[in-house]
Amino acid sequence: MPERTPRLTAEELEALREATLQHYEAAGYPDELTDRLRAYTDEPDGGLINLIDMASSLARSHEAALERIAELEAERARLVEGVASTVRRFSATLDERDALRARLAELETQQQPRVITDLAELDGLPPFAVIRAGSVIYQHVGYGVWLTPGIHPRTHSVWLLQHAARQRVQVIVLWTPEQEAADA
């Protein structure tokens, strides 16, 4: 593998340029010649000064480019972290959603609503049982009589089932006194 040659910084190249010009002055070149060298003439060795100046300019451009690359790398790192953070939050949200769905499914299987379909089953509910038919809540007072707040405070089981069938709604048991005893 070839050995890398050392690179000079812009400051080092400017120091080399100044040393070269001082060498010309010390060598006794006339001021006129030295001034022309400073003005990038094509006199002997004037090309060296031009070359040093071009190298200085390139070194400055290179240093500026390296600084800009460092800035862009820092910006890129910040953006990558922002995207990663968003992905982590989104992933956590999805995990949370999946956990909630699993818990909901578990609860649904544990407490399948009891749907009443016939009169014997409805009248067989104990007093104080609570049912829902569509959007209306009823409480059983016994002997096939149900109470609900509103226009028809007393409703009979037969009418309740017929009305639910006409409205195409289910009669669902919401609570029974046995459930309270089981919960306790």
N, C-alpha and C. Protein backbone atom coordinates (compact mmCIF):
# COMPACT_ATOMS: atom_id res chain seq x y z
N MET A 1 0.85 -1.18 0.00
CA MET A 1 0.00 0.00 0.00
C MET A 1 0.90 1.24 0.00
N PRO A 2 0.64 2.18 -0.90
CA PRO A 2 1.52 3.37 -0.97
C PRO A 2 1.36 4.22 0.29
N GLU A 3 2.46 4.83 0.65
CA GLU A 3 2.46 5.68 1.84
C GLU A 3 1.80 7.01 1.50
N ARG A 4 0.96 7.49 2.41
CA ARG A 4 0.26 8.76 2.17
C ARG A 4 1.21 9.91 2.41
N THR A 5 1.16 10.84 1.50
CA THR A 5 1.98 12.04 1.69
C THR A 5 1.26 12.97 2.64
N PRO A 6 2.02 13.66 3.47
CA PRO A 6 1.36 14.56 4.42
C PRO A 6 0.69 15.72 3.68
N ARG A 7 -0.43 16.18 4.21
CA ARG A 7 -1.15 17.31 3.62
C ARG A 7 -0.82 18.57 4.40
N LEU A 8 -0.77 19.65 3.68
CA LEU A 8 -0.51 20.94 4.31
C LEU A 8 -1.83 21.68 4.49
N THR A 9 -1.95 22.36 5.60
CA THR A 9 -3.14 23.17 5.83
C THR A 9 -2.99 24.47 5.06
N ALA A 10 -4.08 25.22 4.98
CA ALA A 10 -4.05 26.51 4.29
C ALA A 10 -3.05 27.44 4.97
N GLU A 11 -3.01 27.41 6.31
CA GLU A 11 -2.06 28.28 7.02
C GLU A 11 -0.62 27.89 6.71
N GLU A 12 -0.35 26.58 6.64
CA GLU A 12 1.01 26.12 6.33
C GLU A 12 1.40 26.51 4.90
N LEU A 13 0.45 26.41 3.97
CA LEU A 13 0.75 26.80 2.59
C LEU A 13 1.00 28.30 2.49
N GLU A 14 0.22 29.10 3.23
CA GLU A 14 0.46 30.55 3.22
C GLU A 14 1.82 30.88 3.83
N ALA A 15 2.20 30.14 4.87
CA ALA A 15 3.53 30.34 5.47
C ALA A 15 4.62 29.97 4.47
N LEU A 16 4.41 28.88 3.70
CA LEU A 16 5.37 28.48 2.67
C LEU A 16 5.47 29.54 1.59
N ARG A 17 4.36 30.12 1.20
CA ARG A 17 4.36 31.17 0.19
C ARG A 17 5.18 32.36 0.69
N GLU A 18 4.91 32.75 1.93
CA GLU A 18 5.63 33.90 2.50
C GLU A 18 7.13 33.60 2.59
N ALA A 19 7.48 32.37 2.99
CA ALA A 19 8.90 31.99 3.10
C ALA A 19 9.56 32.01 1.73
N THR A 20 8.81 31.55 0.71
CA THR A 20 9.37 31.55 -0.65
C THR A 20 9.61 32.98 -1.12
N LEU A 21 8.65 33.86 -0.87
CA LEU A 21 8.83 35.27 -1.27
C LEU A 21 9.99 35.89 -0.50
N GLN A 22 10.11 35.57 0.78
CA GLN A 22 11.23 36.12 1.57
C GLN A 22 12.56 35.58 1.05
N HIS A 23 12.54 34.30 0.59
CA HIS A 23 13.76 33.73 0.00
C HIS A 23 14.16 34.52 -1.24
N TYR A 24 13.16 34.86 -2.08
CA TYR A 24 13.46 35.65 -3.27
C TYR A 24 14.04 37.01 -2.88
N GLU A 25 13.46 37.63 -1.88
CA GLU A 25 13.95 38.94 -1.45
C GLU A 25 15.35 38.83 -0.87
N ALA A 26 15.58 37.76 -0.09
CA ALA A 26 16.90 37.58 0.53
C ALA A 26 17.95 37.23 -0.51
N ALA A 27 17.52 36.61 -1.60
CA ALA A 27 18.47 36.22 -2.64
C ALA A 27 18.92 37.41 -3.46
N GLY A 28 18.33 38.54 -3.18
CA GLY A 28 18.78 39.74 -3.86
C GLY A 28 18.10 40.00 -5.18
N TYR A 29 16.97 39.38 -5.40
CA TYR A 29 16.23 39.71 -6.60
C TYR A 29 15.78 41.16 -6.49
N PRO A 30 15.74 41.85 -7.61
CA PRO A 30 15.30 43.25 -7.55
C PRO A 30 13.85 43.33 -7.05
N ASP A 31 13.51 44.43 -6.38
CA ASP A 31 12.15 44.62 -5.85
C ASP A 31 11.10 44.49 -6.94
N GLU A 32 11.46 44.96 -8.06
CA GLU A 32 10.56 44.89 -9.19
C GLU A 32 10.19 43.44 -9.51
N LEU A 33 11.18 42.55 -9.49
CA LEU A 33 10.95 41.14 -9.76
C LEU A 33 10.13 40.50 -8.63
N THR A 34 10.50 40.85 -7.42
CA THR A 34 9.77 40.29 -6.27
C THR A 34 8.31 40.75 -6.30
N ASP A 35 8.08 42.01 -6.65
CA ASP A 35 6.70 42.51 -6.75
C ASP A 35 5.93 41.76 -7.83
N ARG A 36 6.61 41.49 -8.92
CA ARG A 36 5.94 40.73 -9.97
C ARG A 36 5.65 39.30 -9.52
N LEU A 37 6.58 38.72 -8.76
CA LEU A 37 6.33 37.38 -8.23
C LEU A 37 5.11 37.39 -7.31
N ARG A 38 5.03 38.46 -6.52
CA ARG A 38 3.87 38.58 -5.63
C ARG A 38 2.58 38.71 -6.46
N ALA A 39 2.70 39.27 -7.63
CA ALA A 39 1.54 39.47 -8.50
C ALA A 39 1.36 38.29 -9.46
N TYR A 40 1.94 37.15 -9.14
CA TYR A 40 1.78 35.92 -9.93
C TYR A 40 2.28 36.07 -11.35
N THR A 41 3.48 36.50 -11.52
CA THR A 41 4.03 36.63 -12.87
C THR A 41 4.52 35.29 -13.35
N ASP A 42 4.90 35.24 -14.61
CA ASP A 42 5.44 34.02 -15.20
C ASP A 42 6.96 34.03 -15.21
N GLU A 43 7.58 34.86 -14.40
CA GLU A 43 9.04 34.87 -14.31
C GLU A 43 9.51 33.54 -13.72
N PRO A 44 10.79 33.25 -13.81
CA PRO A 44 11.30 31.99 -13.25
C PRO A 44 10.89 31.85 -11.78
N ASP A 45 10.41 30.68 -11.45
CA ASP A 45 9.92 30.31 -10.12
C ASP A 45 8.64 31.03 -9.73
N GLY A 46 8.11 31.87 -10.60
CA GLY A 46 6.82 32.50 -10.31
C GLY A 46 5.70 31.47 -10.31
N GLY A 47 5.88 30.42 -11.07
CA GLY A 47 4.89 29.34 -11.11
C GLY A 47 4.76 28.66 -9.75
N LEU A 48 5.85 28.63 -8.99
CA LEU A 48 5.81 28.01 -7.67
C LEU A 48 4.86 28.78 -6.75
N ILE A 49 4.92 30.11 -6.83
CA ILE A 49 4.03 30.93 -6.00
C ILE A 49 2.58 30.68 -6.42
N ASN A 50 2.34 30.64 -7.73
CA ASN A 50 0.99 30.36 -8.22
C ASN A 50 0.51 28.99 -7.72
N LEU A 51 1.40 28.02 -7.79
CA LEU A 51 1.06 26.68 -7.34
C LEU A 51 0.74 26.67 -5.84
N ILE A 52 1.55 27.38 -5.07
CA ILE A 52 1.29 27.45 -3.63
C ILE A 52 -0.04 28.14 -3.37
N ASP A 53 -0.33 29.21 -4.10
CA ASP A 53 -1.60 29.92 -3.91
C ASP A 53 -2.79 29.02 -4.28
N MET A 54 -2.67 28.29 -5.37
CA MET A 54 -3.74 27.37 -5.75
C MET A 54 -3.92 26.29 -4.69
N ALA A 55 -2.80 25.77 -4.20
CA ALA A 55 -2.88 24.75 -3.15
C ALA A 55 -3.51 25.32 -1.89
N SER A 56 -3.17 26.57 -1.56
CA SER A 56 -3.78 27.22 -0.38
C SER A 56 -5.29 27.34 -0.56
N SER A 57 -5.69 27.76 -1.74
CA SER A 57 -7.11 27.90 -2.03
C SER A 57 -7.83 26.55 -1.93
N LEU A 58 -7.20 25.53 -2.52
CA LEU A 58 -7.79 24.19 -2.44
C LEU A 58 -7.85 23.69 -0.99
N ALA A 59 -6.79 23.98 -0.22
CA ALA A 59 -6.78 23.54 1.18
C ALA A 59 -7.89 24.22 1.96
N ARG A 60 -8.10 25.53 1.71
CA ARG A 60 -9.19 26.24 2.39
C ARG A 60 -10.55 25.65 2.00
N SER A 61 -10.71 25.38 0.71
CA SER A 61 -11.97 24.77 0.24
C SER A 61 -12.18 23.40 0.87
N HIS A 62 -11.09 22.63 0.94
CA HIS A 62 -11.17 21.30 1.53
C HIS A 62 -11.54 21.38 3.01
N GLU A 63 -10.93 22.29 3.74
CA GLU A 63 -11.24 22.46 5.16
C GLU A 63 -12.69 22.90 5.35
N ALA A 64 -13.16 23.81 4.49
CA ALA A 64 -14.56 24.25 4.58
C ALA A 64 -15.50 23.09 4.27
N ALA A 65 -15.13 22.28 3.28
CA ALA A 65 -15.96 21.12 2.93
C ALA A 65 -16.01 20.12 4.09
N LEU A 66 -14.87 19.90 4.75
CA LEU A 66 -14.85 18.98 5.90
C LEU A 66 -15.73 19.51 7.04
N GLU A 67 -15.69 20.82 7.27
CA GLU A 67 -16.56 21.41 8.30
C GLU A 67 -18.03 21.23 7.94
N ARG A 68 -18.36 21.45 6.67
CA ARG A 68 -19.75 21.29 6.22
C ARG A 68 -20.20 19.83 6.33
N ILE A 69 -19.29 18.91 5.99
CA ILE A 69 -19.61 17.49 6.13
C ILE A 69 -19.89 17.15 7.58
N ALA A 70 -19.09 17.69 8.50
CA ALA A 70 -19.31 17.44 9.93
C ALA A 70 -20.67 17.99 10.36
N GLU A 71 -21.02 19.19 9.88
CA GLU A 71 -22.33 19.77 10.20
C GLU A 71 -23.46 18.88 9.66
N LEU A 72 -23.31 18.43 8.40
CA LEU A 72 -24.34 17.59 7.80
C LEU A 72 -24.46 16.24 8.50
N GLU A 73 -23.32 15.68 8.94
CA GLU A 73 -23.38 14.42 9.67
C GLU A 73 -24.11 14.59 10.99
N ALA A 74 -23.88 15.72 11.66
CA ALA A 74 -24.59 15.99 12.92
C ALA A 74 -26.09 16.15 12.65
N GLU A 75 -26.45 16.86 11.59
CA GLU A 75 -27.85 17.04 11.23
C GLU A 75 -28.49 15.70 10.86
N ARG A 76 -27.76 14.89 10.12
CA ARG A 76 -28.25 13.56 9.74
C ARG A 76 -28.48 12.70 10.98
N ALA A 77 -27.55 12.74 11.91
CA ALA A 77 -27.70 11.96 13.15
C ALA A 77 -28.94 12.41 13.92
N ARG A 78 -29.17 13.73 13.95
CA ARG A 78 -30.35 14.26 14.64
C ARG A 78 -31.63 13.78 13.95
N LEU A 79 -31.65 13.82 12.61
CA LEU A 79 -32.83 13.37 11.87
C LEU A 79 -33.06 11.87 12.02
N VAL A 80 -31.98 11.10 11.97
CA VAL A 80 -32.11 9.65 12.15
C VAL A 80 -32.68 9.34 13.53
N GLU A 81 -32.21 10.04 14.55
CA GLU A 81 -32.73 9.82 15.91
C GLU A 81 -34.20 10.22 15.98
N GLY A 82 -34.57 11.30 15.30
CA GLY A 82 -35.98 11.71 15.27
C GLY A 82 -36.86 10.65 14.63
N VAL A 83 -36.42 10.11 13.51
CA VAL A 83 -37.18 9.05 12.84
C VAL A 83 -37.24 7.81 13.72
N ALA A 84 -36.11 7.45 14.32
CA ALA A 84 -36.09 6.27 15.19
C ALA A 84 -37.03 6.46 16.38
N SER A 85 -37.05 7.67 16.92
CA SER A 85 -37.94 7.96 18.05
C SER A 85 -39.40 7.82 17.63
N THR A 86 -39.73 8.33 16.45
CA THR A 86 -41.09 8.22 15.94
C THR A 86 -41.47 6.76 15.72
N VAL A 87 -40.55 5.99 15.16
CA VAL A 87 -40.81 4.57 14.92
C VAL A 87 -41.01 3.84 16.25
N ARG A 88 -40.19 4.17 17.26
CA ARG A 88 -40.35 3.54 18.58
C ARG A 88 -41.71 3.88 19.18
N ARG A 89 -42.11 5.17 19.09
CA ARG A 89 -43.41 5.57 19.63
C ARG A 89 -44.54 4.85 18.90
N PHE A 90 -44.44 4.80 17.57
CA PHE A 90 -45.47 4.14 16.77
C PHE A 90 -45.53 2.65 17.10
N SER A 91 -44.37 2.03 17.23
CA SER A 91 -44.30 0.61 17.57
C SER A 91 -44.91 0.35 18.94
N ALA A 92 -44.61 1.23 19.90
CA ALA A 92 -45.18 1.08 21.24
C ALA A 92 -46.70 1.24 21.18
N THR A 93 -47.16 2.17 20.36
CA THR A 93 -48.60 2.38 20.21
C THR A 93 -49.26 1.13 19.61
N LEU A 94 -48.61 0.54 18.61
CA LEU A 94 -49.15 -0.68 18.01
C LEU A 94 -49.17 -1.82 19.02
N ASP A 95 -48.09 -1.94 19.81
CA ASP A 95 -48.05 -2.98 20.83
C ASP A 95 -49.15 -2.77 21.86
N GLU A 96 -49.34 -1.52 22.25
CA GLU A 96 -50.39 -1.19 23.21
C GLU A 96 -51.77 -1.52 22.63
N ARG A 97 -51.96 -1.17 21.35
CA ARG A 97 -53.23 -1.46 20.69
C ARG A 97 -53.48 -2.97 20.65
N ASP A 98 -52.45 -3.74 20.30
CA ASP A 98 -52.61 -5.19 20.24
C ASP A 98 -52.92 -5.77 21.62
N ALA A 99 -52.28 -5.23 22.65
CA ALA A 99 -52.55 -5.70 24.02
C ALA A 99 -53.99 -5.37 24.41
N LEU A 100 -54.46 -4.17 24.05
CA LEU A 100 -55.84 -3.80 24.36
C LEU A 100 -56.84 -4.67 23.60
N ARG A 101 -56.54 -4.97 22.35
CA ARG A 101 -57.43 -5.85 21.58
C ARG A 101 -57.50 -7.24 22.22
N ALA A 102 -56.34 -7.75 22.63
CA ALA A 102 -56.32 -9.06 23.27
C ALA A 102 -57.12 -9.04 24.57
N ARG A 103 -56.96 -7.98 25.35
CA ARG A 103 -57.71 -7.88 26.62
C ARG A 103 -59.21 -7.76 26.35
N LEU A 104 -59.59 -7.00 25.34
CA LEU A 104 -61.00 -6.86 24.99
C LEU A 104 -61.59 -8.21 24.57
N ALA A 105 -60.85 -8.94 23.75
CA ALA A 105 -61.32 -10.27 23.32
C ALA A 105 -61.46 -11.19 24.52
N GLU A 106 -60.51 -11.10 25.44
CA GLU A 106 -60.58 -11.92 26.66
C GLU A 106 -61.81 -11.58 27.48
N LEU A 107 -62.06 -10.28 27.65
CA LEU A 107 -63.23 -9.86 28.42
C LEU A 107 -64.54 -10.24 27.72
N GLU A 108 -64.55 -10.14 26.40
CA GLU A 108 -65.76 -10.52 25.67
C GLU A 108 -66.05 -12.00 25.82
N THR A 109 -65.01 -12.83 25.81
CA THR A 109 -65.26 -14.26 25.98
C THR A 109 -65.67 -14.58 27.41
N GLN A 110 -65.17 -13.81 28.37
CA GLN A 110 -65.55 -14.04 29.76
C GLN A 110 -66.99 -13.62 30.02
N GLN A 111 -67.43 -12.56 29.42
CA GLN A 111 -68.76 -12.04 29.70
C GLN A 111 -69.57 -11.90 28.42
N GLN A 112 -69.90 -13.03 27.85
CA GLN A 112 -70.79 -12.99 26.70
C GLN A 112 -72.16 -12.54 27.21
N PRO A 113 -72.76 -11.56 26.58
CA PRO A 113 -74.06 -11.10 27.08
C PRO A 113 -75.10 -12.21 26.96
N ARG A 114 -75.90 -12.29 27.97
CA ARG A 114 -76.97 -13.28 27.97
C ARG A 114 -78.16 -12.68 27.23
N VAL A 115 -78.53 -13.30 26.13
CA VAL A 115 -79.62 -12.81 25.29
C VAL A 115 -80.86 -13.64 25.60
N ILE A 116 -81.96 -12.96 25.92
CA ILE A 116 -83.24 -13.61 26.23
C ILE A 116 -84.04 -13.74 24.95
N THR A 117 -84.52 -14.96 24.67
CA THR A 117 -85.27 -15.17 23.43
C THR A 117 -86.69 -15.67 23.65
N ASP A 118 -87.00 -16.19 24.84
CA ASP A 118 -88.38 -16.69 25.05
C ASP A 118 -88.94 -16.19 26.37
N LEU A 119 -90.24 -16.32 26.49
CA LEU A 119 -90.99 -15.79 27.63
C LEU A 119 -90.60 -16.47 28.94
N ALA A 120 -90.44 -17.78 28.92
CA ALA A 120 -90.11 -18.52 30.15
C ALA A 120 -88.76 -18.05 30.70
N GLU A 121 -87.82 -17.82 29.81
CA GLU A 121 -86.50 -17.37 30.23
C GLU A 121 -86.59 -15.96 30.82
N LEU A 122 -87.38 -15.09 30.19
CA LEU A 122 -87.53 -13.72 30.67
C LEU A 122 -88.23 -13.69 32.03
N ASP A 123 -89.31 -14.45 32.17
CA ASP A 123 -90.03 -14.47 33.45
C ASP A 123 -89.25 -15.22 34.52
N GLY A 124 -88.30 -16.05 34.12
CA GLY A 124 -87.50 -16.80 35.07
C GLY A 124 -86.41 -15.96 35.74
N LEU A 125 -86.21 -14.76 35.25
CA LEU A 125 -85.20 -13.89 35.89
C LEU A 125 -85.70 -13.47 37.26
N PRO A 126 -84.80 -13.36 38.24
CA PRO A 126 -85.22 -13.00 39.59
C PRO A 126 -85.66 -11.54 39.67
N PRO A 127 -86.43 -11.20 40.70
CA PRO A 127 -86.78 -9.79 40.90
C PRO A 127 -85.52 -8.93 41.02
N PHE A 128 -85.63 -7.71 40.57
CA PHE A 128 -84.56 -6.71 40.54
C PHE A 128 -83.53 -6.93 39.43
N ALA A 129 -83.71 -7.94 38.60
CA ALA A 129 -82.82 -8.13 37.45
C ALA A 129 -83.00 -6.95 36.50
N VAL A 130 -81.94 -6.59 35.81
CA VAL A 130 -81.97 -5.44 34.88
C VAL A 130 -81.68 -5.96 33.48
N ILE A 131 -82.51 -5.55 32.52
CA ILE A 131 -82.31 -5.93 31.12
C ILE A 131 -82.31 -4.68 30.24
N ARG A 132 -81.86 -4.90 29.01
CA ARG A 132 -81.90 -3.83 28.02
C ARG A 132 -82.54 -4.39 26.76
N ALA A 133 -83.50 -3.66 26.24
CA ALA A 133 -84.13 -4.01 24.97
C ALA A 133 -83.94 -2.81 24.06
N GLY A 134 -83.00 -2.93 23.13
CA GLY A 134 -82.66 -1.77 22.29
C GLY A 134 -81.94 -0.75 23.14
N SER A 135 -82.52 0.44 23.25
CA SER A 135 -81.90 1.50 24.05
C SER A 135 -82.62 1.73 25.37
N VAL A 136 -83.61 0.89 25.69
CA VAL A 136 -84.42 1.08 26.89
C VAL A 136 -83.99 0.07 27.96
N ILE A 137 -83.88 0.55 29.20
CA ILE A 137 -83.51 -0.28 30.34
C ILE A 137 -84.77 -0.59 31.15
N TYR A 138 -84.89 -1.87 31.56
CA TYR A 138 -86.04 -2.32 32.35
C TYR A 138 -85.53 -3.02 33.62
N GLN A 139 -86.34 -2.92 34.71
CA GLN A 139 -86.03 -3.66 35.93
C GLN A 139 -87.22 -4.55 36.27
N HIS A 140 -86.94 -5.81 36.59
CA HIS A 140 -87.98 -6.81 36.87
C HIS A 140 -88.50 -6.61 38.29
N VAL A 141 -89.83 -6.56 38.44
CA VAL A 141 -90.42 -6.46 39.78
C VAL A 141 -91.12 -7.76 40.17
N GLY A 142 -91.08 -8.73 39.28
CA GLY A 142 -91.69 -10.03 39.56
C GLY A 142 -93.00 -10.20 38.82
N TYR A 143 -93.44 -11.45 38.69
CA TYR A 143 -94.71 -11.80 38.06
C TYR A 143 -94.83 -11.27 36.63
N GLY A 144 -93.73 -11.24 35.90
CA GLY A 144 -93.76 -10.82 34.51
C GLY A 144 -93.91 -9.33 34.30
N VAL A 145 -93.72 -8.54 35.34
CA VAL A 145 -93.88 -7.09 35.23
C VAL A 145 -92.49 -6.44 35.29
N TRP A 146 -92.30 -5.48 34.37
CA TRP A 146 -91.02 -4.77 34.26
C TRP A 146 -91.28 -3.28 34.38
N LEU A 147 -90.39 -2.59 35.09
CA LEU A 147 -90.52 -1.14 35.24
C LEU A 147 -89.45 -0.45 34.40
N THR A 148 -89.86 0.70 33.85
CA THR A 148 -88.91 1.55 33.13
C THR A 148 -89.33 2.98 33.33
N PRO A 149 -88.41 3.89 33.42
CA PRO A 149 -88.82 5.29 33.53
C PRO A 149 -89.40 5.75 32.21
N GLY A 150 -90.37 6.62 32.26
CA GLY A 150 -90.91 7.15 31.03
C GLY A 150 -92.41 7.05 30.97
N ILE A 151 -92.95 7.00 29.75
CA ILE A 151 -94.39 7.05 29.51
C ILE A 151 -95.09 5.79 30.02
N HIS A 152 -94.52 4.62 29.77
CA HIS A 152 -95.14 3.36 30.18
C HIS A 152 -94.32 2.79 31.34
N PRO A 153 -94.66 3.18 32.56
CA PRO A 153 -93.84 2.74 33.67
C PRO A 153 -93.88 1.22 33.90
N ARG A 154 -95.01 0.56 33.62
CA ARG A 154 -95.09 -0.89 33.80
C ARG A 154 -95.25 -1.55 32.44
N THR A 155 -94.46 -2.59 32.23
CA THR A 155 -94.51 -3.33 30.97
C THR A 155 -94.54 -4.81 31.31
N HIS A 156 -95.33 -5.57 30.56
CA HIS A 156 -95.40 -7.01 30.78
C HIS A 156 -94.38 -7.71 29.89
N SER A 157 -93.93 -8.88 30.33
CA SER A 157 -92.90 -9.64 29.60
C SER A 157 -93.33 -9.96 28.18
N VAL A 158 -94.60 -10.31 27.97
CA VAL A 158 -95.08 -10.67 26.63
C VAL A 158 -94.93 -9.47 25.70
N TRP A 159 -95.43 -8.33 26.13
CA TRP A 159 -95.33 -7.13 25.30
C TRP A 159 -93.86 -6.79 25.03
N LEU A 160 -93.02 -6.91 26.05
CA LEU A 160 -91.60 -6.57 25.91
C LEU A 160 -90.94 -7.42 24.83
N LEU A 161 -91.17 -8.72 24.83
CA LEU A 161 -90.58 -9.60 23.81
C LEU A 161 -91.15 -9.31 22.43
N GLN A 162 -92.48 -9.06 22.35
CA GLN A 162 -93.08 -8.75 21.05
C GLN A 162 -92.52 -7.44 20.50
N HIS A 163 -92.40 -6.45 21.37
CA HIS A 163 -91.86 -5.14 20.95
C HIS A 163 -90.41 -5.29 20.47
N ALA A 164 -89.61 -6.05 21.19
CA ALA A 164 -88.21 -6.26 20.80
C ALA A 164 -88.13 -6.96 19.44
N ALA A 165 -89.03 -7.92 19.20
CA ALA A 165 -89.04 -8.62 17.91
C ALA A 165 -89.43 -7.67 16.78
N ARG A 166 -90.44 -6.83 17.02
CA ARG A 166 -90.85 -5.85 15.99
C ARG A 166 -89.72 -4.87 15.69
N GLN A 167 -89.02 -4.44 16.72
CA GLN A 167 -87.94 -3.47 16.54
C GLN A 167 -86.63 -4.13 16.09
N ARG A 168 -86.61 -5.44 16.07
CA ARG A 168 -85.42 -6.21 15.69
C ARG A 168 -84.23 -5.87 16.59
N VAL A 169 -84.49 -5.86 17.89
CA VAL A 169 -83.43 -5.65 18.88
C VAL A 169 -83.39 -6.85 19.80
N GLN A 170 -82.27 -7.05 20.44
CA GLN A 170 -82.12 -8.16 21.38
C GLN A 170 -82.47 -7.70 22.79
N VAL A 171 -82.96 -8.64 23.57
CA VAL A 171 -83.19 -8.39 25.00
C VAL A 171 -81.99 -9.00 25.71
N ILE A 172 -81.19 -8.14 26.34
CA ILE A 172 -79.93 -8.57 26.94
C ILE A 172 -79.99 -8.36 28.45
N VAL A 173 -79.54 -9.37 29.20
CA VAL A 173 -79.48 -9.26 30.66
C VAL A 173 -78.25 -8.44 31.01
N LEU A 174 -78.46 -7.33 31.72
CA LEU A 174 -77.34 -6.49 32.14
C LEU A 174 -76.86 -6.84 33.54
N TRP A 175 -77.81 -7.21 34.40
CA TRP A 175 -77.43 -7.49 35.78
C TRP A 175 -78.50 -8.33 36.46
N THR A 176 -78.06 -9.23 37.32
CA THR A 176 -78.99 -10.00 38.17
C THR A 176 -78.45 -9.99 39.59
N PRO A 177 -79.31 -10.16 40.58
CA PRO A 177 -78.83 -10.19 41.96
C PRO A 177 -77.79 -11.30 42.19
N GLU A 178 -77.86 -12.40 41.43
CA GLU A 178 -76.86 -13.46 41.57
C GLU A 178 -75.47 -12.97 41.15
N GLN A 179 -75.42 -12.09 40.15
CA GLN A 179 -74.13 -11.56 39.71
C GLN A 179 -73.48 -10.74 40.81
N GLU A 180 -74.29 -9.99 41.56
CA GLU A 180 -73.74 -9.19 42.65
C GLU A 180 -73.16 -10.09 43.72
N ALA A 181 -73.85 -11.18 44.02
CA ALA A 181 -73.35 -12.13 45.01
C ALA A 181 -72.07 -12.79 44.51
N ALA A 182 -72.01 -13.12 43.22
CA ALA A 182 -70.81 -13.75 42.65
C ALA A 182 -69.65 -12.76 42.63
N ASP A 183 -69.92 -11.48 42.34
CA ASP A 183 -68.87 -10.46 42.32
C ASP A 183 -68.31 -10.20 43.71
N ALA A 184 -69.16 -10.33 44.73
CA ALA A 184 -68.70 -10.09 46.10
C ALA A 184 -67.86 -11.25 46.53
